[in-house]
């Protein structure tokens, strides 16, 4: 279907009351760009036009003039069965995504059966400096890689993302709340070790408390880990002490020559590696150099050689 005809169809499907309602939910979109087409109608239109050769023109006409065209674009990509084509169109579209709704509606079906190859692109998106590309990447990790394709490296990658953008931080919190429901042992060290931004940390706990997938006992425990904004120094000390404990545990595992997975230690060790690679560790190291930590605080984890040697030994 030609681009001009697609726009005509969208206006034929418009609903003014829905447009006004939607404008309140998505404040980052200019209301003047909203036509007001309901999601079921957009999905139906996407299925109708996805195999039409003329739709290629629509997919290439970026940026679109209307929010509803962006939504339709996301739904069309989501229906494409060819993985390589779907990936190409996703990469072309992501720089033009400018709101959470379009970002979250983009959920390509072709990705489901190509997780092993897709992960390289997902991790690239996660580290993007574009707000909605990063949000999309984290969302893909949450959607496709928290079950049988899970790897402890993935929460480490998400924890390393630092942003001032609300919609990135909300997705990080959402990811960790879901990870705590599906991969608790791997995710909880990032909460216990205070590796996340304080707002993200608390939001992830809030989402867990509101979730039906988290036990009451776990909810009560997570509540005890909430960050109080007035205590940044206290949180730093707790974090260093936590990872000092993991470092000591790692050294014991090495001395015993036992497998870290057999000891149930692999997930905590992955978090230790994430801490060492993070800007958080650099900040803690700088605080130590500046004499801002208690003298009696054990801090071998802030020794570059000490932690590096342990990580290297486990790498072998």
C-alpha atoms as a PDB file:
ATOM      1  CA  UNK A   1       0.000   0.000   0.000  1.00  0.00           C
ATOM      2  CA  UNK A   2       1.335   3.432  -0.955  1.00  0.00           C
ATOM      3  CA  UNK A   3       2.409   5.828   1.804  1.00  0.00           C
ATOM      4  CA  UNK A   4      -0.279   8.398   0.990  1.00  0.00           C
ATOM      5  CA  UNK A   5      -2.992   5.735   1.070  1.00  0.00           C
ATOM      6  CA  UNK A   6      -1.696   4.402   4.396  1.00  0.00           C
ATOM      7  CA  UNK A   7      -2.082   7.861   5.901  1.00  0.00           C
ATOM      8  CA  UNK A   8      -5.607   8.102   4.513  1.00  0.00           C
ATOM      9  CA  UNK A   9      -6.476   4.772   6.115  1.00  0.00           C
ATOM     10  CA  UNK A  10      -5.132   5.958   9.454  1.00  0.00           C
ATOM     11  CA  UNK A  11      -7.309   9.054   9.375  1.00  0.00           C
ATOM     12  CA  UNK A  12     -10.310   6.909   8.440  1.00  0.00           C
ATOM     13  CA  UNK A  13      -9.669   4.907  11.629  1.00  0.00           C
ATOM     14  CA  UNK A  14      -9.146   7.895  13.928  1.00  0.00           C
ATOM     15  CA  UNK A  15     -10.935   8.306  17.239  1.00  0.00           C
ATOM     16  CA  UNK A  16     -10.727  11.820  18.732  1.00  0.00           C
ATOM     17  CA  UNK A  17     -11.523  10.755  22.301  1.00  0.00           C
ATOM     18  CA  UNK A  18      -8.857   8.077  22.156  1.00  0.00           C
ATOM     19  CA  UNK A  19      -6.379  10.603  20.719  1.00  0.00           C
ATOM     20  CA  UNK A  20      -6.986  12.956  23.652  1.00  0.00           C
ATOM     21  CA  UNK A  21      -6.629  10.082  26.120  1.00  0.00           C
ATOM     22  CA  UNK A  22      -3.414   8.889  24.478  1.00  0.00           C
ATOM     23  CA  UNK A  23      -1.893  12.367  24.481  1.00  0.00           C
ATOM     24  CA  UNK A  24      -2.032  12.354  28.297  1.00  0.00           C
ATOM     25  CA  UNK A  25      -0.267   8.986  28.506  1.00  0.00           C
ATOM     26  CA  UNK A  26       2.586   9.883  26.161  1.00  0.00           C
ATOM     27  CA  UNK A  27       3.646  13.436  27.056  1.00  0.00           C
ATOM     28  CA  UNK A  28       6.841  13.312  25.011  1.00  0.00           C
ATOM     29  CA  UNK A  29       4.808  13.262  21.784  1.00  0.00           C
ATOM     30  CA  UNK A  30       3.336  16.492  20.396  1.00  0.00           C
ATOM     31  CA  UNK A  31      -0.476  16.034  20.472  1.00  0.00           C
ATOM     32  CA  UNK A  32      -0.541  17.570  16.996  1.00  0.00           C
ATOM     33  CA  UNK A  33       1.247  14.447  15.726  1.00  0.00           C
ATOM     34  CA  UNK A  34      -1.456  12.119  17.062  1.00  0.00           C
ATOM     35  CA  UNK A  35      -4.255  10.848  14.842  1.00  0.00           C
ATOM     36  CA  UNK A  36      -5.884   8.653  17.478  1.00  0.00           C
ATOM     37  CA  UNK A  37      -5.946   5.131  16.008  1.00  0.00           C
ATOM     38  CA  UNK A  38      -6.560   2.336  18.494  1.00  0.00           C
ATOM     39  CA  UNK A  39      -3.957  -0.398  18.868  1.00  0.00           C
ATOM     40  CA  UNK A  40      -6.128  -3.301  17.573  1.00  0.00           C
ATOM     41  CA  UNK A  41      -6.821  -1.313  14.403  1.00  0.00           C
ATOM     42  CA  UNK A  42      -3.097  -0.575  13.949  1.00  0.00           C
ATOM     43  CA  UNK A  43      -2.236  -4.248  14.382  1.00  0.00           C
ATOM     44  CA  UNK A  44      -4.874  -5.280  11.862  1.00  0.00           C
ATOM     45  CA  UNK A  45      -3.641  -2.731   9.323  1.00  0.00           C
ATOM     46  CA  UNK A  46      -0.043  -3.877   9.837  1.00  0.00           C
ATOM     47  CA  UNK A  47      -1.004  -7.466   9.038  1.00  0.00           C
ATOM     48  CA  UNK A  48      -2.907  -6.262   5.979  1.00  0.00           C
ATOM     49  CA  UNK A  49      -0.014  -4.299   4.454  1.00  0.00           C
ATOM     50  CA  UNK A  50       3.092  -6.168   5.655  1.00  0.00           C
ATOM     51  CA  UNK A  51       3.464  -8.281   2.496  1.00  0.00           C
ATOM     52  CA  UNK A  52       2.507  -5.540   0.042  1.00  0.00           C
ATOM     53  CA  UNK A  53       5.609  -4.491  -1.986  1.00  0.00           C
ATOM     54  CA  UNK A  54       4.450  -0.863  -1.867  1.00  0.00           C
ATOM     55  CA  UNK A  55       4.747  -0.885   1.922  1.00  0.00           C
ATOM     56  CA  UNK A  56       8.519  -0.721   1.416  1.00  0.00           C
ATOM     57  CA  UNK A  57       8.075   2.935   0.472  1.00  0.00           C
ATOM     58  CA  UNK A  58       6.273   3.612   3.758  1.00  0.00           C
ATOM     59  CA  UNK A  59       8.989   1.898   5.800  1.00  0.00           C
ATOM     60  CA  UNK A  60      11.647   3.978   4.039  1.00  0.00           C
ATOM     61  CA  UNK A  61       9.872   7.318   4.525  1.00  0.00           C
ATOM     62  CA  UNK A  62      11.508   8.249   7.823  1.00  0.00           C
ATOM     63  CA  UNK A  63      10.883  10.240   9.882  1.00  0.00           C
ATOM     64  CA  UNK A  64       7.122   9.868   9.722  1.00  0.00           C
ATOM     65  CA  UNK A  65       4.867  12.846  10.226  1.00  0.00           C
ATOM     66  CA  UNK A  66       2.505  11.206  12.685  1.00  0.00           C
ATOM     67  CA  UNK A  67       2.860   9.175  15.878  1.00  0.00           C
ATOM     68  CA  UNK A  68       0.343   6.639  14.560  1.00  0.00           C
ATOM     69  CA  UNK A  69       2.580   6.073  11.535  1.00  0.00           C
ATOM     70  CA  UNK A  70       5.434   5.305  13.914  1.00  0.00           C
ATOM     71  CA  UNK A  71       3.192   2.838  15.738  1.00  0.00           C
ATOM     72  CA  UNK A  72       2.143   1.203  12.498  1.00  0.00           C
ATOM     73  CA  UNK A  73       5.789   0.999  11.427  1.00  0.00           C
ATOM     74  CA  UNK A  74       6.633  -0.849  14.665  1.00  0.00           C
ATOM     75  CA  UNK A  75       3.773  -3.300  14.155  1.00  0.00           C
ATOM     76  CA  UNK A  76       4.767  -3.993  10.545  1.00  0.00           C
ATOM     77  CA  UNK A  77       8.369  -4.769  11.556  1.00  0.00           C
ATOM     78  CA  UNK A  78       7.057  -7.008  14.326  1.00  0.00           C
ATOM     79  CA  UNK A  79       5.181  -9.092  11.734  1.00  0.00           C
ATOM     80  CA  UNK A  80       8.113  -9.625   9.341  1.00  0.00           C
ATOM     81  CA  UNK A  81       9.177 -13.285   9.335  1.00  0.00           C
ATOM     82  CA  UNK A  82      12.578 -12.987   7.678  1.00  0.00           C
ATOM     83  CA  UNK A  83      15.106 -12.458  10.496  1.00  0.00           C
ATOM     84  CA  UNK A  84      17.774 -10.588   8.522  1.00  0.00           C
ATOM     85  CA  UNK A  85      15.234  -8.255   6.950  1.00  0.00           C
ATOM     86  CA  UNK A  86      13.563  -7.686  10.300  1.00  0.00           C
ATOM     87  CA  UNK A  87      16.905  -6.873  11.923  1.00  0.00           C
ATOM     88  CA  UNK A  88      17.825  -4.451   9.145  1.00  0.00           C
ATOM     89  CA  UNK A  89      14.508  -2.616   9.397  1.00  0.00           C
ATOM     90  CA  UNK A  90      14.738  -2.497  13.189  1.00  0.00           C
ATOM     91  CA  UNK A  91      18.178  -0.868  13.020  1.00  0.00           C
ATOM     92  CA  UNK A  92      16.916   1.647  10.466  1.00  0.00           C
ATOM     93  CA  UNK A  93      13.861   2.520  12.555  1.00  0.00           C
ATOM     94  CA  UNK A  94      15.314   2.752  16.077  1.00  0.00           C
ATOM     95  CA  UNK A  95      17.028   6.165  15.629  1.00  0.00           C
ATOM     96  CA  UNK A  96      13.598   7.650  14.853  1.00  0.00           C
ATOM     97  CA  UNK A  97      11.765   6.162  17.830  1.00  0.00           C
ATOM     98  CA  UNK A  98      11.066   9.062  20.189  1.00  0.00           C
ATOM     99  CA  UNK A  99       8.622   7.778  22.795  1.00  0.00           C
ATOM    100  CA  UNK A 100       8.125   4.848  25.163  1.00  0.00           C
ATOM    101  CA  UNK A 101       4.950   3.575  23.501  1.00  0.00           C
ATOM    102  CA  UNK A 102       6.468   3.016  20.058  1.00  0.00           C
ATOM    103  CA  UNK A 103       9.601   1.589  21.662  1.00  0.00           C
ATOM    104  CA  UNK A 104       7.646  -0.958  23.686  1.00  0.00           C
ATOM    105  CA  UNK A 105       5.295  -1.903  20.835  1.00  0.00           C
ATOM    106  CA  UNK A 106       8.282  -2.914  18.705  1.00  0.00           C
ATOM    107  CA  UNK A 107       8.481  -6.639  19.442  1.00  0.00           C
ATOM    108  CA  UNK A 108       9.636  -8.555  16.340  1.00  0.00           C
ATOM    109  CA  UNK A 109       8.381 -12.126  16.147  1.00  0.00           C
ATOM    110  CA  UNK A 110      11.389 -13.088  14.016  1.00  0.00           C
ATOM    111  CA  UNK A 111      13.688 -12.465  16.980  1.00  0.00           C
ATOM    112  CA  UNK A 112      12.225 -15.323  19.021  1.00  0.00           C
ATOM    113  CA  UNK A 113      13.916 -18.108  17.069  1.00  0.00           C
ATOM    114  CA  UNK A 114      17.222 -16.326  16.568  1.00  0.00           C
ATOM    115  CA  UNK A 115      18.296 -15.555  20.134  1.00  0.00           C
ATOM    116  CA  UNK A 116      21.844 -16.843  19.746  1.00  0.00           C
ATOM    117  CA  UNK A 117      22.635 -14.475  16.889  1.00  0.00           C
ATOM    118  CA  UNK A 118      20.440 -11.646  18.112  1.00  0.00           C
ATOM    119  CA  UNK A 119      22.224 -11.198  21.443  1.00  0.00           C
ATOM    120  CA  UNK A 120      25.173  -9.418  19.816  1.00  0.00           C
ATOM    121  CA  UNK A 121      22.805  -6.753  18.490  1.00  0.00           C
ATOM    122  CA  UNK A 122      20.836  -6.554  21.735  1.00  0.00           C
ATOM    123  CA  UNK A 123      23.977  -5.770  23.734  1.00  0.00           C
ATOM    124  CA  UNK A 124      24.888  -3.141  21.143  1.00  0.00           C
ATOM    125  CA  UNK A 125      21.486  -1.503  21.582  1.00  0.00           C
ATOM    126  CA  UNK A 126      21.764  -1.627  25.390  1.00  0.00           C
ATOM    127  CA  UNK A 127      24.908   0.531  25.283  1.00  0.00           C
ATOM    128  CA  UNK A 128      23.496   3.072  22.820  1.00  0.00           C
ATOM    129  CA  UNK A 129      23.488   6.743  23.783  1.00  0.00           C
ATOM    130  CA  UNK A 130      20.043   7.099  22.194  1.00  0.00           C
ATOM    131  CA  UNK A 131      17.333   6.914  24.847  1.00  0.00           C
ATOM    132  CA  UNK A 132      14.855   4.635  23.132  1.00  0.00           C
ATOM    133  CA  UNK A 133      17.451   2.426  21.480  1.00  0.00           C
ATOM    134  CA  UNK A 134      18.889   1.673  24.931  1.00  0.00           C
ATOM    135  CA  UNK A 135      15.398   1.141  26.343  1.00  0.00           C
ATOM    136  CA  UNK A 136      14.584  -1.211  23.481  1.00  0.00           C
ATOM    137  CA  UNK A 137      17.777  -3.219  24.013  1.00  0.00           C
ATOM    138  CA  UNK A 138      17.110  -3.651  27.726  1.00  0.00           C
ATOM    139  CA  UNK A 139      13.541  -4.608  26.910  1.00  0.00           C
ATOM    140  CA  UNK A 140      14.786  -7.291  24.498  1.00  0.00           C
ATOM    141  CA  UNK A 141      17.061  -8.693  27.233  1.00  0.00           C
ATOM    142  CA  UNK A 142      14.064  -8.831  29.547  1.00  0.00           C
ATOM    143  CA  UNK A 143      11.795 -10.410  26.939  1.00  0.00           C
ATOM    144  CA  UNK A 144      14.128 -13.015  25.438  1.00  0.00           C
ATOM    145  CA  UNK A 145      16.990 -13.665  27.858  1.00  0.00           C
ATOM    146  CA  UNK A 146      15.610 -14.249  31.344  1.00  0.00           C
ATOM    147  CA  UNK A 147      14.646 -17.880  30.848  1.00  0.00           C
ATOM    148  CA  UNK A 148      16.612 -20.699  29.183  1.00  0.00           C
ATOM    149  CA  UNK A 149      18.850 -18.223  27.307  1.00  0.00           C
ATOM    150  CA  UNK A 150      19.862 -16.389  30.475  1.00  0.00           C
ATOM    151  CA  UNK A 151      23.502 -15.558  31.158  1.00  0.00           C
ATOM    152  CA  UNK A 152      24.831 -13.756  34.291  1.00  0.00           C
ATOM    153  CA  UNK A 153      26.603 -11.352  31.935  1.00  0.00           C
ATOM    154  CA  UNK A 154      23.266  -9.831  30.943  1.00  0.00           C
ATOM    155  CA  UNK A 155      22.266  -8.247  34.288  1.00  0.00           C
ATOM    156  CA  UNK A 156      25.875  -7.065  34.487  1.00  0.00           C
ATOM    157  CA  UNK A 157      25.419  -5.279  31.162  1.00  0.00           C
ATOM    158  CA  UNK A 158      22.180  -3.648  32.282  1.00  0.00           C
ATOM    159  CA  UNK A 159      23.630  -2.581  35.630  1.00  0.00           C
ATOM    160  CA  UNK A 160      26.410  -0.718  33.813  1.00  0.00           C
ATOM    161  CA  UNK A 161      23.945   1.593  32.060  1.00  0.00           C
ATOM    162  CA  UNK A 162      23.857   5.049  33.626  1.00  0.00           C
ATOM    163  CA  UNK A 163      21.405   7.622  32.352  1.00  0.00           C
ATOM    164  CA  UNK A 164      19.601  10.777  33.396  1.00  0.00           C
ATOM    165  CA  UNK A 165      16.659   9.736  31.217  1.00  0.00           C
ATOM    166  CA  UNK A 166      13.511   8.621  33.024  1.00  0.00           C
ATOM    167  CA  UNK A 167      12.472   6.107  30.359  1.00  0.00           C
ATOM    168  CA  UNK A 168      15.858   4.376  30.369  1.00  0.00           C
ATOM    169  CA  UNK A 169      15.969   4.187  34.151  1.00  0.00           C
ATOM    170  CA  UNK A 170      12.407   2.900  34.353  1.00  0.00           C
ATOM    171  CA  UNK A 171      13.289   0.076  31.958  1.00  0.00           C
ATOM    172  CA  UNK A 172      16.381  -0.826  34.001  1.00  0.00           C
ATOM    173  CA  UNK A 173      14.187  -1.041  37.101  1.00  0.00           C
ATOM    174  CA  UNK A 174      11.630  -3.112  35.215  1.00  0.00           C
ATOM    175  CA  UNK A 175      14.379  -5.447  34.002  1.00  0.00           C
ATOM    176  CA  UNK A 176      15.747  -6.071  37.486  1.00  0.00           C
ATOM    177  CA  UNK A 177      12.291  -6.531  38.998  1.00  0.00           C
ATOM    178  CA  UNK A 178      11.565  -9.180  36.358  1.00  0.00           C
ATOM    179  CA  UNK A 179      15.011 -10.726  36.819  1.00  0.00           C
ATOM    180  CA  UNK A 180      14.366 -10.992  40.556  1.00  0.00           C
ATOM    181  CA  UNK A 181      11.209 -12.957  39.738  1.00  0.00           C
ATOM    182  CA  UNK A 182      12.864 -15.246  37.171  1.00  0.00           C
ATOM    183  CA  UNK A 183      16.569 -15.377  38.060  1.00  0.00           C
ATOM    184  CA  UNK A 184      16.643 -14.361  41.704  1.00  0.00           C
ATOM    185  CA  UNK A 185      20.080 -15.691  42.681  1.00  0.00           C
ATOM    186  CA  UNK A 186      21.711 -13.929  39.731  1.00  0.00           C
ATOM    187  CA  UNK A 187      19.837 -10.652  40.164  1.00  0.00           C
ATOM    188  CA  UNK A 188      19.773 -10.124  43.918  1.00  0.00           C
ATOM    189  CA  UNK A 189      23.530  -9.336  44.283  1.00  0.00           C
ATOM    190  CA  UNK A 190      22.937  -6.148  42.279  1.00  0.00           C
ATOM    191  CA  UNK A 191      20.383  -5.089  44.893  1.00  0.00           C
ATOM    192  CA  UNK A 192      22.262  -6.360  47.948  1.00  0.00           C
ATOM    193  CA  UNK A 193      25.450  -4.757  46.623  1.00  0.00           C
ATOM    194  CA  UNK A 194      23.797  -1.425  45.730  1.00  0.00           C
ATOM    195  CA  UNK A 195      25.179  -1.462  42.193  1.00  0.00           C
ATOM    196  CA  UNK A 196      22.290   0.446  40.646  1.00  0.00           C
ATOM    197  CA  UNK A 197      21.489   4.138  40.667  1.00  0.00           C
ATOM    198  CA  UNK A 198      19.571   4.891  43.895  1.00  0.00           C
ATOM    199  CA  UNK A 199      16.328   5.800  42.112  1.00  0.00           C
ATOM    200  CA  UNK A 200      16.510   2.709  39.884  1.00  0.00           C
ATOM    201  CA  UNK A 201      17.354   0.543  42.900  1.00  0.00           C
ATOM    202  CA  UNK A 202      14.297   1.709  44.829  1.00  0.00           C
ATOM    203  CA  UNK A 203      12.012   1.535  41.799  1.00  0.00           C
ATOM    204  CA  UNK A 204      13.051  -2.075  41.131  1.00  0.00           C
ATOM    205  CA  UNK A 205      12.228  -2.951  44.742  1.00  0.00           C
ATOM    206  CA  UNK A 206       8.897  -1.135  44.459  1.00  0.00           C
ATOM    207  CA  UNK A 207       8.001  -3.133  41.354  1.00  0.00           C
ATOM    208  CA  UNK A 208       8.913  -6.353  43.163  1.00  0.00           C
ATOM    209  CA  UNK A 209       6.724  -5.424  46.118  1.00  0.00           C
ATOM    210  CA  UNK A 210       3.832  -4.805  43.705  1.00  0.00           C
ATOM    211  CA  UNK A 211       4.433  -8.062  41.801  1.00  0.00           C
ATOM    212  CA  UNK A 212       2.434 -11.244  42.255  1.00  0.00           C
ATOM    213  CA  UNK A 213       5.445 -13.290  41.133  1.00  0.00           C
ATOM    214  CA  UNK A 214       7.514 -12.434  44.227  1.00  0.00           C
ATOM    215  CA  UNK A 215       6.899 -14.222  47.532  1.00  0.00           C
ATOM    216  CA  UNK A 216       5.837 -12.226  50.579  1.00  0.00           C
ATOM    217  CA  UNK A 217       9.018 -13.204  52.404  1.00  0.00           C
ATOM    218  CA  UNK A 218      11.204 -11.966  49.558  1.00  0.00           C
ATOM    219  CA  UNK A 219       9.237  -8.736  49.374  1.00  0.00           C
ATOM    220  CA  UNK A 220       9.855  -8.073  53.055  1.00  0.00           C
ATOM    221  CA  UNK A 221      13.569  -8.762  52.641  1.00  0.00           C
ATOM    222  CA  UNK A 222      13.866  -6.470  49.617  1.00  0.00           C
ATOM    223  CA  UNK A 223      12.165  -3.681  51.545  1.00  0.00           C
ATOM    224  CA  UNK A 224      15.060  -3.751  54.019  1.00  0.00           C
ATOM    225  CA  UNK A 225      17.424  -2.939  51.137  1.00  0.00           C
ATOM    226  CA  UNK A 226      15.781   0.331  50.139  1.00  0.00           C
ATOM    227  CA  UNK A 227      18.128   3.280  49.784  1.00  0.00           C
ATOM    228  CA  UNK A 228      17.612   6.414  51.844  1.00  0.00           C
ATOM    229  CA  UNK A 229      18.784   9.448  49.884  1.00  0.00           C
ATOM    230  CA  UNK A 230      20.349  10.979  52.995  1.00  0.00           C
ATOM    231  CA  UNK A 231      22.817   8.125  53.455  1.00  0.00           C
ATOM    232  CA  UNK A 232      25.108   7.942  50.374  1.00  0.00           C
ATOM    233  CA  UNK A 233      28.193   7.358  52.541  1.00  0.00           C
ATOM    234  CA  UNK A 234      26.473   4.554  54.420  1.00  0.00           C
ATOM    235  CA  UNK A 235      25.442   2.918  51.138  1.00  0.00           C
ATOM    236  CA  UNK A 236      29.018   3.129  49.861  1.00  0.00           C
ATOM    237  CA  UNK A 237      30.300   1.398  53.000  1.00  0.00           C
ATOM    238  CA  UNK A 238      27.629  -1.321  52.719  1.00  0.00           C
ATOM    239  CA  UNK A 239      28.506  -1.892  49.058  1.00  0.00           C
ATOM    240  CA  UNK A 240      32.245  -2.189  49.718  1.00  0.00           C
ATOM    241  CA  UNK A 241      31.627  -4.557  52.637  1.00  0.00           C
ATOM    242  CA  UNK A 242      29.294  -6.686  50.511  1.00  0.00           C
ATOM    243  CA  UNK A 243      31.738  -7.124  47.650  1.00  0.00           C
ATOM    244  CA  UNK A 244      34.618  -7.575  50.093  1.00  0.00           C
ATOM    245  CA  UNK A 245      32.696 -10.588  51.364  1.00  0.00           C
ATOM    246  CA  UNK A 246      32.307 -11.973  47.842  1.00  0.00           C
ATOM    247  CA  UNK A 247      36.025 -11.404  47.152  1.00  0.00           C
ATOM    248  CA  UNK A 248      36.928 -13.314  50.318  1.00  0.00           C
ATOM    249  CA  UNK A 249      34.549 -16.081  49.298  1.00  0.00           C
ATOM    250  CA  UNK A 250      36.175 -16.214  45.854  1.00  0.00           C
ATOM    251  CA  UNK A 251      39.609 -16.604  47.402  1.00  0.00           C
ATOM    252  CA  UNK A 252      38.333 -19.523  49.520  1.00  0.00           C
ATOM    253  CA  UNK A 253      36.859 -21.203  46.456  1.00  0.00           C
ATOM    254  CA  UNK A 254      40.195 -20.824  44.657  1.00  0.00           C
ATOM    255  CA  UNK A 255      42.119 -22.303  47.589  1.00  0.00           C
ATOM    256  CA  UNK A 256      39.785 -25.289  47.737  1.00  0.00           C
ATOM    257  CA  UNK A 257      40.079 -25.758  43.951  1.00  0.00           C
ATOM    258  CA  UNK A 258      36.345 -26.407  43.773  1.00  0.00           C
ATOM    259  CA  UNK A 259      34.055 -25.322  40.966  1.00  0.00           C
ATOM    260  CA  UNK A 260      32.369 -22.001  41.696  1.00  0.00           C
ATOM    261  CA  UNK A 261      29.068 -23.241  40.238  1.00  0.00           C
ATOM    262  CA  UNK A 262      29.080 -26.280  42.523  1.00  0.00           C
ATOM    263  CA  UNK A 263      29.379 -23.910  45.457  1.00  0.00           C
ATOM    264  CA  UNK A 264      26.475 -21.821  44.185  1.00  0.00           C
ATOM    265  CA  UNK A 265      28.908 -18.955  43.859  1.00  0.00           C
ATOM    266  CA  UNK A 266      28.817 -18.225  40.128  1.00  0.00           C
ATOM    267  CA  UNK A 267      26.082 -15.602  40.257  1.00  0.00           C
ATOM    268  CA  UNK A 268      27.732 -13.637  43.066  1.00  0.00           C
ATOM    269  CA  UNK A 269      31.071 -13.835  41.290  1.00  0.00           C
ATOM    270  CA  UNK A 270      29.496 -12.418  38.111  1.00  0.00           C
ATOM    271  CA  UNK A 271      28.237  -9.465  40.158  1.00  0.00           C
ATOM    272  CA  UNK A 272      31.743  -8.972  41.583  1.00  0.00           C
ATOM    273  CA  UNK A 273      33.073  -8.737  38.034  1.00  0.00           C
ATOM    274  CA  UNK A 274      30.348  -6.256  37.145  1.00  0.00           C
ATOM    275  CA  UNK A 275      31.274  -4.145  40.179  1.00  0.00           C
ATOM    276  CA  UNK A 276      34.961  -4.080  39.248  1.00  0.00           C
ATOM    277  CA  UNK A 277      34.130  -3.043  35.666  1.00  0.00           C
ATOM    278  CA  UNK A 278      31.716  -0.309  36.719  1.00  0.00           C
ATOM    279  CA  UNK A 279      32.021   3.414  37.321  1.00  0.00           C
ATOM    280  CA  UNK A 280      30.674   2.671  40.797  1.00  0.00           C
ATOM    281  CA  UNK A 281      33.888   0.831  41.657  1.00  0.00           C
ATOM    282  CA  UNK A 282      35.902   3.761  40.283  1.00  0.00           C
ATOM    283  CA  UNK A 283      33.947   6.143  42.520  1.00  0.00           C
ATOM    284  CA  UNK A 284      34.521   3.920  45.545  1.00  0.00           C
ATOM    285  CA  UNK A 285      38.228   3.700  44.697  1.00  0.00           C
ATOM    286  CA  UNK A 286      38.421   7.497  44.414  1.00  0.00           C
ATOM    287  CA  UNK A 287      36.663   7.891  47.758  1.00  0.00           C
ATOM    288  CA  UNK A 288      39.244   5.603  49.328  1.00  0.00           C
ATOM    289  CA  UNK A 289      42.109   7.546  47.763  1.00  0.00           C
ATOM    290  CA  UNK A 290      40.602  10.757  49.107  1.00  0.00           C
ATOM    291  CA  UNK A 291      40.465   9.338  52.650  1.00  0.00           C
ATOM    292  CA  UNK A 292      36.672   9.341  52.807  1.00  0.00           C
ATOM    293  CA  UNK A 293      36.277   5.783  54.086  1.00  0.00           C
ATOM    294  CA  UNK A 294      36.580   4.551  57.691  1.00  0.00           C
ATOM    295  CA  UNK A 295      40.129   3.402  58.434  1.00  0.00           C
ATOM    296  CA  UNK A 296      38.959   0.086  59.855  1.00  0.00           C
ATOM    297  CA  UNK A 297      36.840  -0.818  56.814  1.00  0.00           C
ATOM    298  CA  UNK A 298      38.254  -3.925  55.023  1.00  0.00           C
ATOM    299  CA  UNK A 299      38.763  -2.842  51.420  1.00  0.00           C
ATOM    300  CA  UNK A 300      40.759  -5.471  49.574  1.00  0.00           C
ATOM    301  CA  UNK A 301      38.081  -5.254  46.908  1.00  0.00           C
ATOM    302  CA  UNK A 302      39.379  -1.757  46.114  1.00  0.00           C
ATOM    303  CA  UNK A 303      42.867  -3.095  45.453  1.00  0.00           C
ATOM    304  CA  UNK A 304      43.259  -3.209  41.680  1.00  0.00           C
ATOM    305  CA  UNK A 305      45.786  -6.045  41.763  1.00  0.00           C
ATOM    306  CA  UNK A 306      43.897  -8.082  44.335  1.00  0.00           C
ATOM    307  CA  UNK A 307      40.520  -8.153  42.607  1.00  0.00           C
ATOM    308  CA  UNK A 308      42.075  -8.401  39.139  1.00  0.00           C
ATOM    309  CA  UNK A 309      44.109 -11.442  40.158  1.00  0.00           C
ATOM    310  CA  UNK A 310      41.045 -13.214  41.523  1.00  0.00           C
ATOM    311  CA  UNK A 311      38.980 -12.447  38.436  1.00  0.00           C
ATOM    312  CA  UNK A 312      41.835 -13.672  36.220  1.00  0.00           C
ATOM    313  CA  UNK A 313      42.205 -16.916  38.153  1.00  0.00           C
ATOM    314  CA  UNK A 314      38.514 -17.668  37.794  1.00  0.00           C
ATOM    315  CA  UNK A 315      38.774 -16.813  34.109  1.00  0.00           C
ATOM    316  CA  UNK A 316      41.264 -19.644  33.714  1.00  0.00           C
END
